[in-house]
Amino acid sequence: MPVPKRKTGRSVSRSRRAHDSLEMPAASVCPQCHQPKLPHHVCAACGYYKGKEVVETD
């Protein structure tokens, strides 16, 4: 089984993990009801997508 020849330094492992942080999902505003929604998704509050009602909501 292969074994590392040298110890991995602190800066090497931290640089490798620099892109592992969590990010908030992108949010846009619905033009119909002005609630936050995910881009390219149907608005959960009003059911509109691209100015047309796609999902009927109560």
C-alpha atoms as a PDB file:
ATOM      1  CA  MET A   1       0.000   0.000   0.000  1.00  0.00           C
ATOM      2  CA  PRO A   2       1.487   3.409  -0.935  1.00  0.00           C
ATOM      3  CA  VAL A   3       2.549   5.705   1.877  1.00  0.00           C
ATOM      4  CA  PRO A   4       3.302   9.446   1.535  1.00  0.00           C
ATOM      5  CA  LYS A   5       7.021  10.158   1.510  1.00  0.00           C
ATOM      6  CA  ARG A   6       6.648  13.482   3.362  1.00  0.00           C
ATOM      7  CA  LYS A   7       4.127  15.051   5.699  1.00  0.00           C
ATOM      8  CA  THR A   8       1.586  17.307   3.976  1.00  0.00           C
ATOM      9  CA  GLY A   9       2.119  20.811   5.294  1.00  0.00           C
ATOM     10  CA  ARG A  10      -0.549  22.982   6.860  1.00  0.00           C
ATOM     11  CA  SER A  11      -0.569  25.520   4.022  1.00  0.00           C
ATOM     12  CA  VAL A  12      -0.946  22.811   1.364  1.00  0.00           C
ATOM     13  CA  SER A  13      -3.953  21.198   3.010  1.00  0.00           C
ATOM     14  CA  ARG A  14      -5.588  24.555   3.784  1.00  0.00           C
ATOM     15  CA  SER A  15      -5.067  25.759   0.215  1.00  0.00           C
ATOM     16  CA  ARG A  16      -6.682  22.578  -1.078  1.00  0.00           C
ATOM     17  CA  ARG A  17      -9.696  23.143   1.184  1.00  0.00           C
ATOM     18  CA  ALA A  18     -10.106  26.792   0.156  1.00  0.00           C
ATOM     19  CA  HIS A  19     -12.985  25.928  -2.223  1.00  0.00           C
ATOM     20  CA  ASP A  20     -14.868  23.645   0.180  1.00  0.00           C
ATOM     21  CA  SER A  21     -16.762  26.403   1.976  1.00  0.00           C
ATOM     22  CA  LEU A  22     -20.557  26.493   1.846  1.00  0.00           C
ATOM     23  CA  GLU A  23     -22.304  29.179  -0.176  1.00  0.00           C
ATOM     24  CA  MET A  24     -25.791  30.565   0.035  1.00  0.00           C
ATOM     25  CA  PRO A  25     -27.988  29.578  -2.920  1.00  0.00           C
ATOM     26  CA  ALA A  26     -28.580  32.372  -5.407  1.00  0.00           C
ATOM     27  CA  ALA A  27     -31.914  34.118  -4.948  1.00  0.00           C
ATOM     28  CA  SER A  28     -33.850  36.388  -7.279  1.00  0.00           C
ATOM     29  CA  VAL A  29     -37.062  38.319  -6.739  1.00  0.00           C
ATOM     30  CA  CYS A  30     -40.333  37.201  -8.276  1.00  0.00           C
ATOM     31  CA  PRO A  31     -41.705  39.980 -10.521  1.00  0.00           C
ATOM     32  CA  GLN A  32     -45.314  39.039  -9.649  1.00  0.00           C
ATOM     33  CA  CYS A  33     -45.350  38.786  -5.851  1.00  0.00           C
ATOM     34  CA  HIS A  34     -41.853  40.153  -5.028  1.00  0.00           C
ATOM     35  CA  GLN A  35     -40.947  37.130  -2.905  1.00  0.00           C
ATOM     36  CA  PRO A  36     -37.455  35.562  -3.066  1.00  0.00           C
ATOM     37  CA  LYS A  37     -37.218  32.530  -5.347  1.00  0.00           C
ATOM     38  CA  LEU A  38     -34.563  30.407  -6.985  1.00  0.00           C
ATOM     39  CA  PRO A  39     -33.558  31.502 -10.496  1.00  0.00           C
ATOM     40  CA  HIS A  40     -35.092  29.439 -13.342  1.00  0.00           C
ATOM     41  CA  HIS A  41     -37.671  27.915 -10.968  1.00  0.00           C
ATOM     42  CA  VAL A  42     -41.404  28.402 -10.492  1.00  0.00           C
ATOM     43  CA  CYS A  43     -42.207  30.796  -7.663  1.00  0.00           C
ATOM     44  CA  ALA A  44     -43.444  28.812  -4.672  1.00  0.00           C
ATOM     45  CA  ALA A  45     -45.596  31.687  -3.414  1.00  0.00           C
ATOM     46  CA  CYS A  46     -47.613  32.568  -6.527  1.00  0.00           C
ATOM     47  CA  GLY A  47     -46.875  29.760  -9.033  1.00  0.00           C
ATOM     48  CA  TYR A  48     -45.696  32.045 -11.859  1.00  0.00           C
ATOM     49  CA  TYR A  49     -42.772  31.419 -14.206  1.00  0.00           C
ATOM     50  CA  LYS A  50     -41.729  33.898 -16.920  1.00  0.00           C
ATOM     51  CA  GLY A  51     -44.936  35.905 -16.472  1.00  0.00           C
ATOM     52  CA  LYS A  52     -47.298  32.943 -16.883  1.00  0.00           C
ATOM     53  CA  GLU A  53     -49.107  30.977 -14.189  1.00  0.00           C
ATOM     54  CA  VAL A  54     -47.709  27.478 -14.337  1.00  0.00           C
ATOM     55  CA  VAL A  55     -48.781  26.036 -10.987  1.00  0.00           C
ATOM     56  CA  GLU A  56     -52.142  26.823  -9.444  1.00  0.00           C
ATOM     57  CA  THR A  57     -51.856  27.951  -5.814  1.00  0.00           C
ATOM     58  CA  ASP A  58     -54.502  28.621  -3.211  1.00  0.00           C
END
